[in-house]
Amino acid sequence: MSKISTPMDSQQITDHNDNGYEFTIDDIKELDERRRDRLSGKSTTYSWEEAKEIITGKKKINLFLLS
């Protein structure tokens, strides 16, 4: 599995993946805030494999990114 190169905003998620999910306005605001953080470099995305390695302690993350 590869990383998503461009984070989707709330409209793209709605257009791309209509699986019957319902979102509150707060959910949409949070999605857009998370997208802005990724685009600005404030946040980093990980593939599922990378996330599992971090969770299980096999991979270290840059603690500077958590602040």
PDB file of N, CA and C in Angstrom:
ATOM      1  N   MET A   1       0.846  -1.174   0.000  1.00  0.00           N
ATOM      2  CA  MET A   1       0.000   0.000   0.000  1.00  0.00           C
ATOM      3  C   MET A   1       0.890   1.236   0.000  1.00  0.00           C
ATOM      4  N   SER A   2       0.547   2.213  -0.772  1.00  0.00           N
ATOM      5  CA  SER A   2       1.367   3.414  -0.854  1.00  0.00           C
ATOM      6  C   SER A   2       0.664   4.579  -0.176  1.00  0.00           C
ATOM      7  N   LYS A   3       1.447   5.613   0.090  1.00  0.00           N
ATOM      8  CA  LYS A   3       0.898   6.818   0.698  1.00  0.00           C
ATOM      9  C   LYS A   3       0.008   7.541  -0.304  1.00  0.00           C
ATOM     10  N   ILE A   4      -0.981   8.250   0.198  1.00  0.00           N
ATOM     11  CA  ILE A   4      -1.784   9.127  -0.641  1.00  0.00           C
ATOM     12  C   ILE A   4      -0.943  10.365  -0.891  1.00  0.00           C
ATOM     13  N   SER A   5      -0.711  10.677  -2.154  1.00  0.00           N
ATOM     14  CA  SER A   5       0.191  11.782  -2.445  1.00  0.00           C
ATOM     15  C   SER A   5      -0.446  13.140  -2.182  1.00  0.00           C
ATOM     16  N   THR A   6      -1.726  13.272  -2.417  1.00  0.00           N
ATOM     17  CA  THR A   6      -2.426  14.527  -2.163  1.00  0.00           C
ATOM     18  C   THR A   6      -3.609  14.239  -1.245  1.00  0.00           C
ATOM     19  N   PRO A   7      -3.599  14.773  -0.032  1.00  0.00           N
ATOM     20  CA  PRO A   7      -4.718  14.533   0.869  1.00  0.00           C
ATOM     21  C   PRO A   7      -6.024  15.050   0.282  1.00  0.00           C
ATOM     22  N   MET A   8      -7.082  14.288   0.488  1.00  0.00           N
ATOM     23  CA  MET A   8      -8.381  14.694  -0.044  1.00  0.00           C
ATOM     24  C   MET A   8      -9.060  15.644   0.931  1.00  0.00           C
ATOM     25  N   ASP A   9      -9.779  16.611   0.399  1.00  0.00           N
ATOM     26  CA  ASP A   9     -10.583  17.461   1.259  1.00  0.00           C
ATOM     27  C   ASP A   9     -11.967  16.830   1.399  1.00  0.00           C
ATOM     28  N   SER A  10     -12.821  17.441   2.199  1.00  0.00           N
ATOM     29  CA  SER A  10     -14.124  16.852   2.486  1.00  0.00           C
ATOM     30  C   SER A  10     -14.976  16.675   1.230  1.00  0.00           C
ATOM     31  N   GLN A  11     -14.887  17.590   0.272  1.00  0.00           N
ATOM     32  CA  GLN A  11     -15.677  17.457  -0.956  1.00  0.00           C
ATOM     33  C   GLN A  11     -15.193  16.275  -1.782  1.00  0.00           C
ATOM     34  N   GLN A  12     -13.888  16.092  -1.874  1.00  0.00           N
ATOM     35  CA  GLN A  12     -13.361  14.961  -2.628  1.00  0.00           C
ATOM     36  C   GLN A  12     -13.747  13.643  -1.980  1.00  0.00           C
ATOM     37  N   ILE A  13     -13.741  13.585  -0.652  1.00  0.00           N
ATOM     38  CA  ILE A  13     -14.148  12.367   0.034  1.00  0.00           C
ATOM     39  C   ILE A  13     -15.602  12.058  -0.307  1.00  0.00           C
ATOM     40  N   THR A  14     -16.455  13.065  -0.290  1.00  0.00           N
ATOM     41  CA  THR A  14     -17.864  12.873  -0.606  1.00  0.00           C
ATOM     42  C   THR A  14     -18.024  12.385  -2.041  1.00  0.00           C
ATOM     43  N   ASP A  15     -17.296  12.996  -2.979  1.00  0.00           N
ATOM     44  CA  ASP A  15     -17.398  12.604  -4.376  1.00  0.00           C
ATOM     45  C   ASP A  15     -16.777  11.236  -4.634  1.00  0.00           C
ATOM     46  N   HIS A  16     -15.715  10.926  -3.912  1.00  0.00           N
ATOM     47  CA  HIS A  16     -14.925   9.739  -4.179  1.00  0.00           C
ATOM     48  C   HIS A  16     -15.483   8.481  -3.525  1.00  0.00           C
ATOM     49  N   ASN A  17     -16.045   8.586  -2.343  1.00  0.00           N
ATOM     50  CA  ASN A  17     -16.324   7.394  -1.555  1.00  0.00           C
ATOM     51  C   ASN A  17     -17.656   7.527  -0.824  1.00  0.00           C
ATOM     52  N   ASP A  18     -18.736   7.312  -1.515  1.00  0.00           N
ATOM     53  CA  ASP A  18     -20.060   7.424  -0.901  1.00  0.00           C
ATOM     54  C   ASP A  18     -20.514   6.043  -0.434  1.00  0.00           C
ATOM     55  N   ASN A  19     -20.087   5.681   0.772  1.00  0.00           N
ATOM     56  CA  ASN A  19     -20.453   4.384   1.339  1.00  0.00           C
ATOM     57  C   ASN A  19     -21.529   4.515   2.405  1.00  0.00           C
ATOM     58  N   GLY A  20     -22.327   5.548   2.309  1.00  0.00           N
ATOM     59  CA  GLY A  20     -23.389   5.732   3.280  1.00  0.00           C
ATOM     60  C   GLY A  20     -22.933   6.391   4.563  1.00  0.00           C
ATOM     61  N   TYR A  21     -21.697   6.890   4.603  1.00  0.00           N
ATOM     62  CA  TYR A  21     -21.232   7.587   5.791  1.00  0.00           C
ATOM     63  C   TYR A  21     -21.974   8.907   5.934  1.00  0.00           C
ATOM     64  N   GLU A  22     -22.190   9.286   7.168  1.00  0.00           N
ATOM     65  CA  GLU A  22     -22.778  10.584   7.457  1.00  0.00           C
ATOM     66  C   GLU A  22     -21.778  11.376   8.283  1.00  0.00           C
ATOM     67  N   PHE A  23     -21.606  12.633   7.935  1.00  0.00           N
ATOM     68  CA  PHE A  23     -20.646  13.491   8.609  1.00  0.00           C
ATOM     69  C   PHE A  23     -21.362  14.673   9.240  1.00  0.00           C
ATOM     70  N   THR A  24     -20.932  15.013  10.459  1.00  0.00           N
ATOM     71  CA  THR A  24     -21.420  16.238  11.081  1.00  0.00           C
ATOM     72  C   THR A  24     -20.569  17.388  10.552  1.00  0.00           C
ATOM     73  N   ILE A  25     -20.985  18.603  10.793  1.00  0.00           N
ATOM     74  CA  ILE A  25     -20.196  19.761  10.385  1.00  0.00           C
ATOM     75  C   ILE A  25     -18.849  19.749  11.107  1.00  0.00           C
ATOM     76  N   ASP A  26     -18.822  19.271  12.352  1.00  0.00           N
ATOM     77  CA  ASP A  26     -17.559  19.167  13.089  1.00  0.00           C
ATOM     78  C   ASP A  26     -16.620  18.146  12.446  1.00  0.00           C
ATOM     79  N   ASP A  27     -17.173  17.038  11.950  1.00  0.00           N
ATOM     80  CA  ASP A  27     -16.360  16.040  11.244  1.00  0.00           C
ATOM     81  C   ASP A  27     -15.724  16.663  10.000  1.00  0.00           C
ATOM     82  N   ILE A  28     -16.495  17.403   9.262  1.00  0.00           N
ATOM     83  CA  ILE A  28     -16.011  18.028   8.029  1.00  0.00           C
ATOM     84  C   ILE A  28     -14.930  19.060   8.342  1.00  0.00           C
ATOM     85  N   LYS A  29     -15.151  19.854   9.384  1.00  0.00           N
ATOM     86  CA  LYS A  29     -14.145  20.845   9.782  1.00  0.00           C
ATOM     87  C   LYS A  29     -12.843  20.153  10.180  1.00  0.00           C
ATOM     88  N   GLU A  30     -12.953  19.043  10.911  1.00  0.00           N
ATOM     89  CA  GLU A  30     -11.761  18.314  11.332  1.00  0.00           C
ATOM     90  C   GLU A  30     -11.022  17.730  10.130  1.00  0.00           C
ATOM     91  N   LEU A  31     -11.745  17.169   9.169  1.00  0.00           N
ATOM     92  CA  LEU A  31     -11.108  16.643   7.963  1.00  0.00           C
ATOM     93  C   LEU A  31     -10.344  17.740   7.231  1.00  0.00           C
ATOM     94  N   ASP A  32     -10.962  18.887   7.082  1.00  0.00           N
ATOM     95  CA  ASP A  32     -10.305  19.984   6.387  1.00  0.00           C
ATOM     96  C   ASP A  32      -9.101  20.517   7.166  1.00  0.00           C
ATOM     97  N   GLU A  33      -9.196  20.544   8.502  1.00  0.00           N
ATOM     98  CA  GLU A  33      -8.071  20.989   9.322  1.00  0.00           C
ATOM     99  C   GLU A  33      -6.908  19.994   9.196  1.00  0.00           C
ATOM    100  N   ARG A  34      -7.222  18.708   9.227  1.00  0.00           N
ATOM    101  CA  ARG A  34      -6.175  17.691   9.085  1.00  0.00           C
ATOM    102  C   ARG A  34      -5.525  17.785   7.710  1.00  0.00           C
ATOM    103  N   ARG A  35      -6.299  18.055   6.684  1.00  0.00           N
ATOM    104  CA  ARG A  35      -5.765  18.201   5.332  1.00  0.00           C
ATOM    105  C   ARG A  35      -4.813  19.398   5.269  1.00  0.00           C
ATOM    106  N   ARG A  36      -5.231  20.532   5.845  1.00  0.00           N
ATOM    107  CA  ARG A  36      -4.374  21.717   5.860  1.00  0.00           C
ATOM    108  C   ARG A  36      -3.060  21.431   6.579  1.00  0.00           C
ATOM    109  N   ASP A  37      -3.132  20.695   7.697  1.00  0.00           N
ATOM    110  CA  ASP A  37      -1.924  20.347   8.445  1.00  0.00           C
ATOM    111  C   ASP A  37      -0.982  19.492   7.596  1.00  0.00           C
ATOM    112  N   ARG A  38      -1.533  18.539   6.842  1.00  0.00           N
ATOM    113  CA  ARG A  38      -0.680  17.701   5.994  1.00  0.00           C
ATOM    114  C   ARG A  38      -0.068  18.508   4.870  1.00  0.00           C
ATOM    115  N   LEU A  39      -0.861  19.363   4.250  1.00  0.00           N
ATOM    116  CA  LEU A  39      -0.348  20.162   3.133  1.00  0.00           C
ATOM    117  C   LEU A  39       0.721  21.162   3.576  1.00  0.00           C
ATOM    118  N   SER A  40       0.592  21.669   4.796  1.00  0.00           N
ATOM    119  CA  SER A  40       1.556  22.653   5.299  1.00  0.00           C
ATOM    120  C   SER A  40       2.809  21.990   5.866  1.00  0.00           C
ATOM    121  N   GLY A  41       2.800  20.675   5.992  1.00  0.00           N
ATOM    122  CA  GLY A  41       3.939  19.973   6.569  1.00  0.00           C
ATOM    123  C   GLY A  41       3.873  19.850   8.075  1.00  0.00           C
ATOM    124  N   LYS A  42       2.816  20.364   8.683  1.00  0.00           N
ATOM    125  CA  LYS A  42       2.654  20.299  10.132  1.00  0.00           C
ATOM    126  C   LYS A  42       2.360  18.865  10.589  1.00  0.00           C
ATOM    127  N   SER A  43       1.811  18.059   9.704  1.00  0.00           N
ATOM    128  CA  SER A  43       1.452  16.679  10.004  1.00  0.00           C
ATOM    129  C   SER A  43       1.994  15.776   8.905  1.00  0.00           C
ATOM    130  N   THR A  44       2.230  14.530   9.244  1.00  0.00           N
ATOM    131  CA  THR A  44       2.763  13.553   8.297  1.00  0.00           C
ATOM    132  C   THR A  44       1.794  12.392   8.172  1.00  0.00           C
ATOM    133  N   THR A  45       1.697  11.833   6.969  1.00  0.00           N
ATOM    134  CA  THR A  45       0.866  10.652   6.767  1.00  0.00           C
ATOM    135  C   THR A  45       1.764   9.423   6.661  1.00  0.00           C
ATOM    136  N   TYR A  46       1.213   8.285   7.027  1.00  0.00           N
ATOM    137  CA  TYR A  46       1.920   7.015   6.980  1.00  0.00           C
ATOM    138  C   TYR A  46       1.055   5.976   6.291  1.00  0.00           C
ATOM    139  N   SER A  47       1.710   5.054   5.600  1.00  0.00           N
ATOM    140  CA  SER A  47       0.982   3.927   5.019  1.00  0.00           C
ATOM    141  C   SER A  47       0.541   3.012   6.159  1.00  0.00           C
ATOM    142  N   TRP A  48      -0.330   2.056   5.854  1.00  0.00           N
ATOM    143  CA  TRP A  48      -0.793   1.122   6.875  1.00  0.00           C
ATOM    144  C   TRP A  48       0.401   0.331   7.427  1.00  0.00           C
ATOM    145  N   GLU A  49       1.305  -0.100   6.562  1.00  0.00           N
ATOM    146  CA  GLU A  49       2.480  -0.851   7.018  1.00  0.00           C
ATOM    147  C   GLU A  49       3.354  -0.009   7.946  1.00  0.00           C
ATOM    148  N   GLU A  50       3.591   1.252   7.577  1.00  0.00           N
ATOM    149  CA  GLU A  50       4.382   2.144   8.431  1.00  0.00           C
ATOM    150  C   GLU A  50       3.691   2.361   9.776  1.00  0.00           C
ATOM    151  N   ALA A  51       2.378   2.544   9.764  1.00  0.00           N
ATOM    152  CA  ALA A  51       1.622   2.745  11.008  1.00  0.00           C
ATOM    153  C   ALA A  51       1.746   1.529  11.916  1.00  0.00           C
ATOM    154  N   LYS A  52       1.641   0.329  11.344  1.00  0.00           N
ATOM    155  CA  LYS A  52       1.777  -0.891  12.149  1.00  0.00           C
ATOM    156  C   LYS A  52       3.169  -0.979  12.764  1.00  0.00           C
ATOM    157  N   GLU A  53       4.192  -0.603  12.001  1.00  0.00           N
ATOM    158  CA  GLU A  53       5.557  -0.632  12.533  1.00  0.00           C
ATOM    159  C   GLU A  53       5.734   0.371  13.672  1.00  0.00           C
ATOM    160  N   ILE A  54       5.125   1.526  13.562  1.00  0.00           N
ATOM    161  CA  ILE A  54       5.195   2.535  14.628  1.00  0.00           C
ATOM    162  C   ILE A  54       4.443   2.038  15.859  1.00  0.00           C
ATOM    163  N   ILE A  55       3.248   1.512  15.646  1.00  0.00           N
ATOM    164  CA  ILE A  55       2.419   1.029  16.762  1.00  0.00           C
ATOM    165  C   ILE A  55       3.109  -0.107  17.514  1.00  0.00           C
ATOM    166  N   THR A  56       3.747  -1.010  16.782  1.00  0.00           N
ATOM    167  CA  THR A  56       4.399  -2.163  17.410  1.00  0.00           C
ATOM    168  C   THR A  56       5.812  -1.863  17.886  1.00  0.00           C
ATOM    169  N   GLY A  57       6.283  -0.626  17.672  1.00  0.00           N
ATOM    170  CA  GLY A  57       7.600  -0.230  18.143  1.00  0.00           C
ATOM    171  C   GLY A  57       8.748  -0.631  17.234  1.00  0.00           C
ATOM    172  N   LYS A  58       8.447  -1.156  16.048  1.00  0.00           N
ATOM    173  CA  LYS A  58       9.495  -1.562  15.110  1.00  0.00           C
ATOM    174  C   LYS A  58      10.081  -0.373  14.368  1.00  0.00           C
ATOM    175  N   LYS A  59       9.353   0.732  14.335  1.00  0.00           N
ATOM    176  CA  LYS A  59       9.813   1.928  13.650  1.00  0.00           C
ATOM    177  C   LYS A  59       9.646   3.114  14.592  1.00  0.00           C
ATOM    178  N   LYS A  60      10.639   3.960  14.641  1.00  0.00           N
ATOM    179  CA  LYS A  60      10.576   5.169  15.459  1.00  0.00           C
ATOM    180  C   LYS A  60      10.051   6.322  14.619  1.00  0.00           C
ATOM    181  N   ILE A  61       9.347   7.231  15.274  1.00  0.00           N
ATOM    182  CA  ILE A  61       8.887   8.439  14.592  1.00  0.00           C
ATOM    183  C   ILE A  61       9.651   9.628  15.132  1.00  0.00           C
ATOM    184  N   ASN A  62       9.685  10.663  14.361  1.00  0.00           N
ATOM    185  CA  ASN A  62      10.355  11.899  14.774  1.00  0.00           C
ATOM    186  C   ASN A  62       9.465  12.589  15.811  1.00  0.00           C
ATOM    187  N   LEU A  63       9.902  12.599  17.053  1.00  0.00           N
ATOM    188  CA  LEU A  63       9.105  13.192  18.137  1.00  0.00           C
ATOM    189  C   LEU A  63       8.907  14.683  17.943  1.00  0.00           C
ATOM    190  N   PHE A  64       9.768  15.325  17.161  1.00  0.00           N
ATOM    191  CA  PHE A  64       9.594  16.754  16.854  1.00  0.00           C
ATOM    192  C   PHE A  64       8.264  16.983  16.150  1.00  0.00           C
ATOM    193  N   LEU A  65       7.824  16.014  15.346  1.00  0.00           N
ATOM    194  CA  LEU A  65       6.570  16.141  14.611  1.00  0.00           C
ATOM    195  C   LEU A  65       5.352  16.081  15.524  1.00  0.00           C
ATOM    196  N   LEU A  66       5.512  15.521  16.720  1.00  0.00           N
ATOM    197  CA  LEU A  66       4.381  15.381  17.635  1.00  0.00           C
ATOM    198  C   LEU A  66       4.096  16.631  18.434  1.00  0.00           C
ATOM    199  N   SER A  67       5.007  17.573  18.429  1.00  0.00           N
ATOM    200  CA  SER A  67       4.815  18.782  19.240  1.00  0.00           C
ATOM    201  C   SER A  67       4.005  19.819  18.512  1.00  0.00           C
TER     202      SER A  67
END
